[in-house]
Amino acid sequence: MKLDFATFYILGASDFYQRNEILLLCFGVIILLLLVIMIVVSINKTKRLKTLQQLNEVAEESNQLKNAFIANMTHEIRTPLNAIVGFTNVLAETDNLSREERMIFLKEINDNKDFLVQMINDLLDFSKIEANTMEYKDGDVDVNALIQEMCAAENAHPRPSGIQIEFVEKLPQCRLMIDRVRFAQVINNLVKNALKFTEQGSVKIGYRRLSNNNFYFYVADTGCGIDEESRRAIFERFVKMNYNIRGTGLGLSITKSIVEHYGGGIGVESKKGEGSTFYFTLPAGVEYKEYGKF
C-alpha cells in the first residue's frame, strides 16, 4: 500500500520529534527565556523612562523654585539696603530733626539691619546644610530659662498689634543635652513666623512630655492659618506662603533640618482663617538628667 504525502510527512515529523525531543525542548525553553528577557527589559525601560521623567519634573520644579528664590532675594536685599541708605542720609544731612524723629529713623535702620543679618545667617545655614557641614555643639540647656529669656526679649519690642508671647505650658524643670544656639534658633524661627502672620489675638508657646517620654514643643497663634495644599509644602526650601511679607523662605526648612538632626519630627496643624500650631518633637534620649546642679 502506498503512503500518500500527508501520511509520509506526519510519520517523518513524528520520527524527527522522537529523535530530537530534548533538543526541541531546549530550543523552546531558550525562546521562552528570550521572550521573558525582552518583556523584563521592556518593563525596566518603561520604568527608567518614567523615573527619568519624574526626575526631570523634580529638577524643573527645583529650578523654578531657585529662580523664584533668586528673584525674591534680589528684592529682599535691595529693600532694606535702600531703607538703611535713605534714613542714614536723612540723619546725616538734616540738622533740625527732633530727638523723637531721630529715634524713629534709627529704629528703622536697626530693624532693616537686623533683617539683613538674619537673611545672611539663613543663607549661610542653608549652604551648610546642603554641604552637610552644619556644626552642633551640644551642652546642658535649661529649657525653661531659655524660653523665658526669648519671650522677654521678644516682648520688649512694641508691636502695633500689642501681641505678647505667652509661655503657657512647661515642666517644673527640663534640661536637654543639645546645641543651645540651634535650639534657640528653632524656637525663634517658629515664634517669628507666628508673629509675622498674626495681626490680632495671641501667640503661645509651651511644651510637655508625651506618653513615650518624648518632648513635644509647640507655638500656637491666632493668625491667618494655612490651607491644606500649602501645609504640604511649607517645610520645603525656597517656599514662601506670602511673597508680600519679608523673608527668605528658608527658616522653616532650616528648622526642620535641625530638629531631624536630633532625631525629632516637625509638623503643623492649621485651618485657613483659624490660626496655626507649629510643633516639633525631640526624643527622650536628649534629656540631661543631672538635676542636682539646679
Protein backbone atom coordinates (compact mmCIF):
# COMPACT_ATOMS: atom_id res chain seq x y z
CA MET A 1 0.00 0.00 0.00
CA LYS A 2 1.37 3.31 -0.96
CA LEU A 3 1.60 6.12 1.56
CA ASP A 4 0.31 9.47 0.47
CA PHE A 5 2.40 12.61 1.03
CA ALA A 6 0.49 13.79 4.13
CA THR A 7 0.89 10.46 5.90
CA PHE A 8 4.55 10.33 4.99
CA TYR A 9 5.04 13.89 6.33
CA ILE A 10 3.31 13.04 9.61
CA LEU A 11 5.35 9.91 10.12
CA GLY A 12 8.54 11.76 9.28
CA ALA A 13 7.76 14.62 11.63
CA SER A 14 6.90 12.23 14.43
CA ASP A 15 10.14 10.35 13.88
CA PHE A 16 12.10 13.63 13.85
CA TYR A 17 10.41 14.80 17.09
CA GLN A 18 11.18 11.49 18.84
CA ARG A 19 14.83 11.60 17.83
CA ASN A 20 15.24 15.33 18.73
CA GLU A 21 12.80 15.71 21.59
CA ILE A 22 15.38 17.04 24.09
CA LEU A 23 16.83 19.44 21.53
CA LEU A 24 13.40 20.82 20.69
CA LEU A 25 12.53 21.24 24.36
CA CYS A 26 15.79 23.14 24.96
CA PHE A 27 15.08 25.28 21.94
CA GLY A 28 11.58 26.05 23.26
CA VAL A 29 12.93 26.94 26.70
CA ILE A 30 15.50 29.27 25.10
CA ILE A 31 12.78 31.02 23.10
CA LEU A 32 10.64 31.34 26.24
CA LEU A 33 13.58 32.79 28.19
CA LEU A 34 14.27 35.25 25.38
CA LEU A 35 10.63 36.36 25.47
CA VAL A 36 10.78 36.79 29.26
CA ILE A 37 14.03 38.78 28.97
CA MET A 38 12.51 41.01 26.30
CA ILE A 39 9.45 41.63 28.50
CA VAL A 40 11.63 42.40 31.56
CA VAL A 41 13.86 44.73 29.53
CA SER A 42 10.78 46.47 28.13
CA ILE A 43 9.31 46.91 31.64
CA ASN A 44 12.61 48.19 33.03
CA LYS A 45 12.97 50.59 30.13
CA THR A 46 9.45 51.89 30.77
CA LYS A 47 10.23 52.29 34.47
CA ARG A 48 13.50 54.08 33.69
CA LEU A 49 11.74 56.42 31.30
CA LYS A 50 9.06 57.11 33.91
CA THR A 51 11.69 57.66 36.62
CA LEU A 52 13.66 59.94 34.28
CA GLN A 53 10.52 61.89 33.53
CA GLN A 54 9.80 62.27 37.25
CA LEU A 55 13.39 63.38 37.89
CA ASN A 56 13.12 65.91 35.09
CA GLU A 57 9.88 67.23 36.59
CA VAL A 58 11.50 67.49 40.03
CA ALA A 59 14.56 69.20 38.53
CA GLU A 60 12.34 71.63 36.62
CA GLU A 61 10.33 72.39 39.75
CA SER A 62 13.53 72.87 41.75
CA ASN A 63 14.89 75.14 39.05
CA GLN A 64 11.70 77.22 39.08
CA LEU A 65 11.88 77.49 42.87
CA LYS A 66 15.51 78.58 42.69
CA ASN A 67 14.71 81.20 40.05
CA ALA A 68 11.84 82.49 42.19
CA PHE A 69 14.14 82.43 45.22
CA ILE A 70 16.87 84.43 43.45
CA ALA A 71 14.34 86.98 42.21
CA ASN A 72 12.88 87.25 45.69
CA MET A 73 16.32 87.61 47.30
CA THR A 74 17.19 90.42 44.92
CA HIS A 75 14.12 92.28 46.12
CA GLU A 76 14.63 91.32 49.78
CA ILE A 77 18.22 92.59 49.80
CA ARG A 78 17.54 95.80 47.87
CA THR A 79 14.60 96.92 50.03
CA PRO A 80 16.36 97.05 53.45
CA LEU A 81 19.55 98.41 51.88
CA ASN A 82 17.60 101.26 50.31
CA ALA A 83 15.92 101.94 53.66
CA ILE A 84 19.24 101.97 55.53
CA VAL A 85 20.88 104.26 52.97
CA GLY A 86 17.85 106.58 52.83
CA PHE A 87 17.42 107.02 56.58
CA THR A 88 21.17 107.36 57.10
CA ASN A 89 21.33 110.16 54.51
CA VAL A 90 18.41 111.94 56.19
CA LEU A 91 20.14 111.77 59.57
CA ALA A 92 23.43 112.98 58.10
CA GLU A 93 22.02 115.81 56.00
CA THR A 94 19.19 117.15 58.18
CA ASP A 95 20.06 119.32 61.16
CA ASN A 96 16.64 120.27 62.53
CA LEU A 97 15.34 116.80 63.35
CA SER A 98 13.86 116.33 66.79
CA ARG A 99 15.13 113.61 69.13
CA GLU A 100 11.93 111.65 68.58
CA GLU A 101 12.35 111.76 64.79
CA ARG A 102 15.98 110.67 65.07
CA MET A 103 14.99 107.74 67.27
CA ILE A 104 12.36 106.67 64.74
CA PHE A 105 14.91 106.77 61.91
CA LEU A 106 17.48 104.89 63.99
CA LYS A 107 14.90 102.22 64.79
CA GLU A 108 14.16 101.78 61.08
CA ILE A 109 17.88 101.49 60.35
CA ASN A 110 18.38 98.90 63.10
CA ASP A 111 15.30 96.89 62.08
CA ASN A 112 16.46 96.69 58.47
CA LYS A 113 19.99 95.87 59.59
CA ASP A 114 18.68 93.03 61.75
CA PHE A 115 16.65 91.70 58.83
CA LEU A 116 19.72 91.70 56.56
CA VAL A 117 21.80 89.91 59.19
CA GLN A 118 19.06 87.30 59.68
CA MET A 119 18.79 86.77 55.94
CA ILE A 120 22.55 86.29 55.56
CA ASN A 121 22.58 83.86 58.50
CA ASP A 122 19.77 81.84 56.89
CA LEU A 123 21.65 81.67 53.61
CA LEU A 124 24.84 80.56 55.38
CA ASP A 125 22.97 77.91 57.38
CA PHE A 126 21.24 76.67 54.25
CA SER A 127 24.57 76.33 52.43
CA LYS A 128 25.99 74.39 55.40
CA ILE A 129 23.02 72.04 55.45
CA GLU A 130 23.34 71.44 51.71
CA ALA A 131 27.07 70.72 52.13
CA ASN A 132 26.43 68.62 55.29
CA THR A 133 28.82 70.82 57.29
CA MET A 134 26.41 72.24 59.88
CA GLU A 135 28.14 72.18 63.28
CA TYR A 136 26.42 71.27 66.55
CA LYS A 137 27.99 71.96 69.94
CA ASP A 138 25.82 70.13 72.43
CA GLY A 139 25.70 71.22 76.05
CA ASP A 140 23.42 71.41 79.07
CA VAL A 141 20.46 73.69 78.25
CA ASP A 142 17.87 74.83 80.81
CA VAL A 143 14.77 74.85 78.59
CA ASN A 144 12.54 76.92 80.90
CA ALA A 145 15.15 79.63 81.38
CA LEU A 146 15.95 79.79 77.66
CA ILE A 147 12.33 80.11 76.54
CA GLN A 148 11.58 82.69 79.25
CA GLU A 149 14.57 84.75 78.10
CA MET A 150 13.44 84.56 74.48
CA CYS A 151 9.88 85.59 75.38
CA ALA A 152 11.13 88.53 77.44
CA ALA A 153 13.43 89.68 74.64
CA GLU A 154 10.67 89.41 72.01
CA ASN A 155 8.09 91.12 74.22
CA ALA A 156 10.47 94.02 74.81
CA HIS A 157 9.82 95.14 71.22
CA PRO A 158 6.49 97.01 71.00
CA ARG A 159 4.17 95.94 68.16
CA PRO A 160 1.23 97.82 66.65
CA SER A 161 -0.95 94.78 67.38
CA GLY A 162 0.13 94.69 71.02
CA ILE A 163 0.59 90.91 70.86
CA GLN A 164 2.77 89.38 73.58
CA ILE A 165 4.43 85.97 73.53
CA GLU A 166 2.92 83.81 76.30
CA PHE A 167 4.83 80.87 77.82
CA VAL A 168 1.74 78.88 78.79
CA GLU A 169 2.86 75.28 79.43
CA LYS A 170 6.05 73.79 80.80
CA LEU A 171 7.50 71.13 83.07
CA PRO A 172 8.71 72.08 86.58
CA GLN A 173 12.23 71.61 85.25
CA CYS A 174 13.71 70.46 82.00
CA ARG A 175 17.27 70.33 80.76
CA LEU A 176 18.42 68.95 77.44
CA MET A 177 21.80 67.97 76.05
CA ILE A 178 21.55 69.99 72.88
CA ASP A 179 23.15 72.87 70.98
CA ARG A 180 21.82 75.98 72.74
CA VAL A 181 22.16 78.22 69.68
CA ARG A 182 20.43 75.76 67.34
CA PHE A 183 17.64 75.01 69.83
CA ALA A 184 17.04 78.73 70.31
CA GLN A 185 17.08 79.12 66.52
CA VAL A 186 14.27 76.56 66.19
CA ILE A 187 12.10 78.28 68.83
CA ASN A 188 12.89 81.73 67.44
CA ASN A 189 12.01 80.75 63.87
CA LEU A 190 8.64 79.37 64.93
CA VAL A 191 7.84 82.38 67.13
CA LYS A 192 8.81 84.95 64.49
CA ASN A 193 6.87 83.01 61.87
CA ALA A 194 3.79 83.11 64.12
CA LEU A 195 4.17 86.85 64.79
CA LYS A 196 4.61 87.53 61.09
CA PHE A 197 1.18 86.13 60.23
CA THR A 198 -0.77 87.14 63.35
CA GLU A 199 -2.32 90.60 63.38
CA GLN A 200 -4.53 90.13 66.44
CA GLY A 201 -5.09 87.59 69.18
CA SER A 202 -2.19 85.72 70.73
CA VAL A 203 0.97 83.69 70.22
CA LYS A 204 1.53 80.98 72.80
CA ILE A 205 4.50 78.71 73.36
CA GLY A 206 4.72 75.62 75.52
CA TYR A 207 5.96 72.06 75.82
CA ARG A 208 5.17 68.81 77.59
CA ARG A 209 6.15 65.15 77.67
CA LEU A 210 4.30 62.57 75.61
CA SER A 211 3.29 59.09 76.76
CA ASN A 212 6.50 57.69 75.19
CA ASN A 213 8.56 60.25 77.21
CA ASN A 214 9.50 62.23 74.12
CA PHE A 215 9.30 66.03 74.34
CA TYR A 216 6.57 67.92 72.46
CA PHE A 217 7.11 71.65 71.82
CA TYR A 218 4.58 73.94 70.15
CA VAL A 219 3.96 77.53 69.09
CA ALA A 220 0.26 78.32 68.59
CA ASP A 221 -1.11 81.51 67.02
CA THR A 222 -4.45 83.01 66.05
CA GLY A 223 -3.24 84.22 62.67
CA CYS A 224 -4.45 83.77 59.12
CA GLY A 225 -3.96 79.99 59.06
CA ILE A 226 -2.68 77.76 56.25
CA ASP A 227 -4.66 75.83 53.65
CA GLU A 228 -4.10 72.10 53.13
CA GLU A 229 -2.07 72.43 49.92
CA SER A 230 0.32 74.94 51.48
CA ARG A 231 0.78 72.80 54.61
CA ARG A 232 2.25 70.01 52.48
CA ALA A 233 4.98 72.30 51.13
CA ILE A 234 5.59 74.69 54.00
CA PHE A 235 8.77 73.00 55.28
CA GLU A 236 10.35 72.82 51.82
CA ARG A 237 13.23 75.13 50.90
CA PHE A 238 12.55 78.34 48.94
CA VAL A 239 8.83 78.16 49.82
CA LYS A 240 7.01 81.30 50.98
CA MET A 241 3.32 81.40 51.83
CA ASN A 242 3.05 85.11 51.15
CA TYR A 243 5.55 86.92 48.94
CA ASN A 244 4.28 90.28 50.21
CA ILE A 245 5.81 89.53 53.63
CA ARG A 246 9.55 89.80 54.07
CA GLY A 247 11.55 86.62 54.47
CA THR A 248 13.88 84.18 52.74
CA GLY A 249 11.59 81.16 52.61
CA LEU A 250 14.34 79.13 54.30
CA GLY A 251 13.56 79.49 58.01
CA LEU A 252 11.18 76.54 58.36
CA SER A 253 13.36 74.36 56.14
CA ILE A 254 16.37 75.08 58.38
CA THR A 255 14.23 74.45 61.47
CA LYS A 256 13.18 71.06 60.10
CA SER A 257 16.81 70.11 59.42
CA ILE A 258 17.89 70.99 62.99
CA VAL A 259 15.01 69.05 64.57
CA GLU A 260 15.68 66.00 62.40
CA HIS A 261 19.38 66.13 63.32
CA TYR A 262 18.36 65.28 66.89
CA GLY A 263 16.02 62.51 65.77
CA GLY A 264 12.84 64.54 66.15
CA GLY A 265 9.96 65.41 63.87
CA ILE A 266 8.18 68.60 62.92
CA GLY A 267 4.69 69.44 61.69
CA VAL A 268 1.83 71.92 61.63
CA GLU A 269 -1.87 71.84 62.40
CA SER A 270 -3.86 74.65 60.85
CA LYS A 271 -7.09 75.77 59.24
CA LYS A 272 -7.41 78.74 56.95
CA GLY A 273 -8.53 81.74 58.96
CA GLU A 274 -8.32 79.91 62.31
CA GLY A 275 -4.64 80.12 63.21
CA SER A 276 -1.84 77.57 63.25
CA THR A 277 0.06 75.38 65.69
CA PHE A 278 3.60 74.52 64.69
CA TYR A 279 5.11 71.72 66.73
CA PHE A 280 8.22 69.59 66.93
CA THR A 281 9.26 66.60 68.99
CA LEU A 282 12.60 65.60 70.47
CA PRO A 283 13.45 62.08 71.66
CA ALA A 284 13.66 61.32 75.38
CA GLY A 285 17.35 60.49 74.87
CA VAL A 286 18.31 64.18 74.65
CA GLU A 287 17.30 64.80 78.28
CA TYR A 288 20.10 65.87 80.61
CA LYS A 289 19.33 64.23 83.95
CA GLU A 290 21.90 65.70 86.35
CA TYR A 291 19.26 67.84 88.06
CA GLY A 292 21.37 68.19 91.20
CA LYS A 293 23.09 71.15 89.54
CA PHE A 294 20.00 73.32 89.81
